[in-house]
Amino acid sequence: MRLKIPYNEFEQLLSKYFQQKLISQINLAYVDESTIQVSAVVKIKLKVMEATFPVKENVSVNKVNGSDVTLTHQTEMAIDLKWERVLELCEDVVKDMLEVQDNNTLLVHLDKIDKLNTVLEIAEMQSIGFEPDYINLCFVLK
């Protein structure tokens, strides 16, 4: 079973999920079959001020193992985004969904996403790929 999600729909879903509190203006762009470019504006609140800065990362799907997806990311910026810090700031939003494996690797626990739980109860994800306009999700029924 294949599910194709247009990038603009996924961008809207992410924007609603993050509610523009810490991450806004999310844009996805095709790079190749296993990689997309994610750009966004990240808001950091410090004790005395608030700062926003644009980020741009290439995110690749490395492995799909049941409901866990391993992603690697590579920045196109002069500074490397420290995902541990971003996840600390977003903890109320991402909860147990994202786990930092090392500087360039994230583990996404799809079963922690409420909207996917129903699907994952009856189907197992096999792969995630990208086309110029779509994210392709491939499932097999359990």
Protein backbone atom coordinates (compact mmCIF):
# COMPACT_ATOMS: atom_id res chain seq x y z
CA MET A 1 0.00 0.00 0.00
CA ARG A 2 1.42 3.38 -1.01
CA LEU A 3 0.54 6.78 0.32
CA LYS A 4 1.64 9.93 -1.51
CA ILE A 5 1.65 13.16 0.48
CA PRO A 6 2.19 16.45 -1.39
CA TYR A 7 4.90 18.59 0.21
CA ASN A 8 2.53 21.51 0.73
CA GLU A 9 0.12 19.33 2.75
CA PHE A 10 2.96 18.01 4.90
CA GLU A 11 4.26 21.57 5.41
CA GLN A 12 0.80 22.62 6.61
CA LEU A 13 0.63 19.63 8.95
CA LEU A 14 4.04 20.46 10.43
CA SER A 15 3.10 24.13 10.81
CA LYS A 16 -0.06 23.18 12.72
CA TYR A 17 1.88 20.66 14.80
CA PHE A 18 4.46 23.21 15.88
CA GLN A 19 1.77 25.93 16.08
CA GLN A 20 4.39 28.48 14.99
CA LYS A 21 5.69 28.68 18.57
CA LEU A 22 9.28 27.74 17.91
CA ILE A 23 9.42 26.72 14.27
CA SER A 24 7.64 28.54 11.45
CA GLN A 25 7.76 29.06 7.69
CA ILE A 26 8.50 25.38 7.06
CA ASN A 27 9.36 24.55 3.44
CA LEU A 28 10.29 21.20 1.90
CA ALA A 29 12.14 20.75 -1.38
CA TYR A 30 13.12 17.62 -3.29
CA VAL A 31 16.84 16.80 -3.49
CA ASP A 32 16.84 13.13 -4.53
CA GLU A 33 14.95 9.86 -3.90
CA SER A 34 16.06 9.64 -0.28
CA THR A 35 16.69 13.31 0.60
CA ILE A 36 14.68 16.49 1.00
CA GLN A 37 15.77 19.97 1.98
CA VAL A 38 13.98 21.40 5.00
CA SER A 39 14.07 25.13 5.59
CA ALA A 40 12.37 26.96 8.43
CA VAL A 41 12.63 29.85 10.83
CA VAL A 42 13.53 28.84 14.39
CA LYS A 43 12.68 31.07 17.33
CA ILE A 44 14.92 30.95 20.38
CA LYS A 45 13.81 32.62 23.60
CA LEU A 46 16.59 33.75 25.87
CA LYS A 47 16.14 35.28 29.31
CA VAL A 48 16.42 38.85 28.08
CA MET A 49 15.49 38.59 24.40
CA GLU A 50 14.01 36.53 21.62
CA ALA A 51 15.92 35.70 18.44
CA THR A 52 14.80 34.13 15.18
CA PHE A 53 17.05 32.68 12.54
CA PRO A 54 16.57 30.76 9.32
CA VAL A 55 17.84 27.18 9.09
CA LYS A 56 18.29 24.94 6.09
CA GLU A 57 19.10 21.25 6.36
CA ASN A 58 19.21 18.32 3.97
CA VAL A 59 17.42 15.40 5.60
CA SER A 60 17.89 11.85 4.33
CA VAL A 61 16.03 8.68 5.23
CA ASN A 62 18.60 6.05 6.21
CA LYS A 63 16.51 3.23 7.55
CA VAL A 64 12.92 2.28 8.32
CA ASN A 65 12.51 -0.32 11.05
CA GLY A 66 8.87 -0.87 11.96
CA SER A 67 7.65 2.39 13.45
CA ASP A 68 11.16 3.86 13.82
CA VAL A 69 12.77 5.92 11.06
CA THR A 70 16.44 6.87 11.15
CA LEU A 71 17.23 10.21 9.51
CA THR A 72 20.52 11.92 8.88
CA HIS A 73 20.81 15.63 8.36
CA GLN A 74 23.45 17.88 6.90
CA THR A 75 23.43 21.63 7.18
CA GLU A 76 24.01 24.05 4.35
CA MET A 77 24.79 26.84 6.77
CA ALA A 78 28.05 28.07 8.23
CA ILE A 79 26.94 26.97 11.69
CA ASP A 80 25.71 23.51 12.48
CA LEU A 81 22.28 23.37 14.08
CA LYS A 82 22.48 21.60 17.44
CA TRP A 83 19.41 19.36 17.44
CA GLU A 84 19.76 18.51 21.11
CA ARG A 85 19.11 22.16 21.98
CA VAL A 86 16.24 22.53 19.50
CA LEU A 87 14.55 19.40 20.92
CA GLU A 88 14.96 20.71 24.46
CA LEU A 89 13.17 23.91 23.43
CA CYS A 90 10.45 21.95 21.60
CA GLU A 91 10.00 19.26 24.23
CA ASP A 92 6.35 20.08 24.89
CA VAL A 93 5.68 19.67 21.14
CA VAL A 94 7.78 16.65 20.16
CA LYS A 95 7.69 14.78 23.48
CA ASP A 96 9.15 11.29 22.89
CA MET A 97 8.75 11.44 19.11
CA LEU A 98 12.33 12.51 18.25
CA GLU A 99 15.56 11.17 19.66
CA VAL A 100 19.04 12.50 18.89
CA GLN A 101 21.38 9.59 18.09
CA ASP A 102 24.48 11.68 17.38
CA ASN A 103 25.28 15.08 15.84
CA ASN A 104 23.88 14.12 12.42
CA THR A 105 21.35 11.38 13.18
CA LEU A 106 17.78 11.58 14.45
CA LEU A 107 15.48 8.68 15.30
CA VAL A 108 11.78 9.36 14.70
CA HIS A 109 9.32 7.19 16.62
CA LEU A 110 6.28 7.22 14.33
CA ASP A 111 4.17 5.34 16.87
CA LYS A 112 4.36 8.42 19.12
CA ILE A 113 2.46 10.50 16.53
CA ASP A 114 -1.23 10.28 17.37
CA LYS A 115 -2.45 10.61 13.77
CA LEU A 116 -0.25 7.70 12.61
CA ASN A 117 -1.07 5.30 15.43
CA THR A 118 -4.24 4.01 13.77
CA VAL A 119 -2.41 3.26 10.52
CA LEU A 120 0.51 1.60 12.33
CA GLU A 121 -1.87 -0.72 14.17
CA ILE A 122 -2.90 -2.36 10.88
CA ALA A 123 0.13 -1.74 8.65
CA GLU A 124 3.90 -1.70 8.96
CA MET A 125 5.94 0.98 7.22
CA GLN A 126 8.42 -0.46 4.72
CA SER A 127 9.99 2.63 3.16
CA ILE A 128 9.92 6.38 2.75
CA GLY A 129 11.03 8.02 -0.47
CA PHE A 130 10.73 11.34 -2.24
CA GLU A 131 9.60 12.57 -5.64
CA PRO A 132 9.79 16.18 -6.85
CA ASP A 133 6.28 16.96 -5.48
CA TYR A 134 5.49 14.11 -3.06
CA ILE A 135 6.61 12.11 -0.05
CA ASN A 136 6.03 8.39 -0.74
CA LEU A 137 5.18 6.14 2.17
CA CYS A 138 5.04 2.38 1.54
CA PHE A 139 3.20 0.09 3.98
CA VAL A 140 2.39 -3.61 4.15
CA LEU A 141 -0.64 -4.90 6.02
CA LYS A 142 0.11 -6.82 9.19
